[in-house]
């Protein structure tokens, strides 16, 4: 059971990393706009995956950075909702 839990945490972290990097790549190549909901949701989901992995593995500085990343993504999503 511990092996399954550890594997799940690892996959969660790698998926988070993939989402954050893909969002940045799509932004840089102008396939996503910096104000798009997709961009912010990808960053939110990626940040959550990375934060979970970081905290479970005791990498608290990385966990804190990702919590801030999550907060910024939530701000972007809420700002996009408020915009007509």
Protein backbone atom coordinates (compact mmCIF):
# COMPACT_ATOMS: atom_id res chain seq x y z
CA UNK A 1 0.00 0.00 0.00
CA UNK A 2 2.88 2.37 0.79
CA UNK A 3 4.37 1.75 -2.65
CA UNK A 4 1.09 2.73 -4.31
CA UNK A 5 0.86 5.89 -2.19
CA UNK A 6 4.46 6.85 -3.01
CA UNK A 7 3.90 6.20 -6.71
CA UNK A 8 0.73 8.32 -6.64
CA UNK A 9 2.63 11.22 -5.04
CA UNK A 10 5.42 10.90 -7.63
CA UNK A 11 2.95 10.86 -10.53
CA UNK A 12 1.11 13.84 -9.02
CA UNK A 13 4.37 15.80 -8.86
CA UNK A 14 5.43 14.90 -12.40
CA UNK A 15 1.99 15.78 -13.80
CA UNK A 16 2.16 19.10 -11.96
CA UNK A 17 5.59 19.82 -13.42
CA UNK A 18 4.36 18.91 -16.89
CA UNK A 19 1.34 21.22 -16.60
CA UNK A 20 3.38 24.20 -15.38
CA UNK A 21 6.02 23.74 -18.08
CA UNK A 22 3.41 23.18 -20.80
CA UNK A 23 1.51 26.32 -19.74
CA UNK A 24 4.74 28.33 -19.91
CA UNK A 25 5.65 26.83 -23.29
CA UNK A 26 2.21 27.59 -24.73
CA UNK A 27 2.39 31.15 -23.39
CA UNK A 28 5.88 31.68 -24.80
CA UNK A 29 4.89 30.35 -28.22
CA UNK A 30 1.77 32.54 -28.13
CA UNK A 31 -0.62 29.61 -28.29
CA UNK A 32 -2.13 30.80 -25.02
CA UNK A 33 -2.82 34.34 -23.87
CA UNK A 34 -1.58 35.45 -20.45
CA UNK A 35 -5.14 36.25 -19.47
CA UNK A 36 -6.71 33.00 -20.66
CA UNK A 37 -8.51 30.78 -18.21
CA UNK A 38 -6.76 27.73 -19.64
CA UNK A 39 -3.35 29.20 -18.79
CA UNK A 40 -4.34 29.95 -15.20
CA UNK A 41 -6.09 26.62 -14.65
CA UNK A 42 -3.02 24.77 -15.96
CA UNK A 43 -0.86 26.72 -13.51
CA UNK A 44 -3.31 26.07 -10.68
CA UNK A 45 -3.45 22.31 -11.29
CA UNK A 46 0.30 22.14 -11.83
CA UNK A 47 1.00 24.11 -8.67
CA UNK A 48 -1.25 21.84 -6.65
CA UNK A 49 0.51 18.73 -7.97
CA UNK A 50 3.94 20.16 -7.24
CA UNK A 51 2.91 21.46 -3.80
CA UNK A 52 1.53 18.08 -2.76
CA UNK A 53 4.68 16.31 -3.92
CA UNK A 54 6.95 18.87 -2.26
CA UNK A 55 5.24 18.81 1.12
CA UNK A 56 4.93 15.02 1.25
CA UNK A 57 8.64 14.71 0.45
CA UNK A 58 9.61 17.35 3.02
CA UNK A 59 10.73 19.94 0.45
CA UNK A 60 9.06 22.78 2.32
CA UNK A 61 10.68 25.72 0.46
CA UNK A 62 9.39 24.30 -2.84
CA UNK A 63 6.03 23.66 -1.22
CA UNK A 64 5.77 27.30 -0.14
CA UNK A 65 6.74 28.54 -3.62
CA UNK A 66 4.01 26.37 -5.11
CA UNK A 67 1.40 27.58 -2.61
CA UNK A 68 2.23 31.13 -3.74
CA UNK A 69 2.03 29.91 -7.38
CA UNK A 70 -1.44 28.51 -6.61
CA UNK A 71 -2.54 31.82 -5.07
CA UNK A 72 -1.38 33.73 -8.16
CA UNK A 73 -3.24 31.29 -10.42
CA UNK A 74 -6.42 31.70 -8.36
CA UNK A 75 -6.05 35.49 -8.59
CA UNK A 76 -5.72 35.18 -12.39
CA UNK A 77 -8.80 32.98 -12.61
CA UNK A 78 -10.88 35.31 -10.43
CA UNK A 79 -9.67 38.35 -12.35
CA UNK A 80 -10.70 36.65 -15.59
CA UNK A 81 -14.16 35.88 -14.18
CA UNK A 82 -14.62 39.49 -13.06
CA UNK A 83 -13.70 40.79 -16.51
CA UNK A 84 -16.70 41.06 -18.86
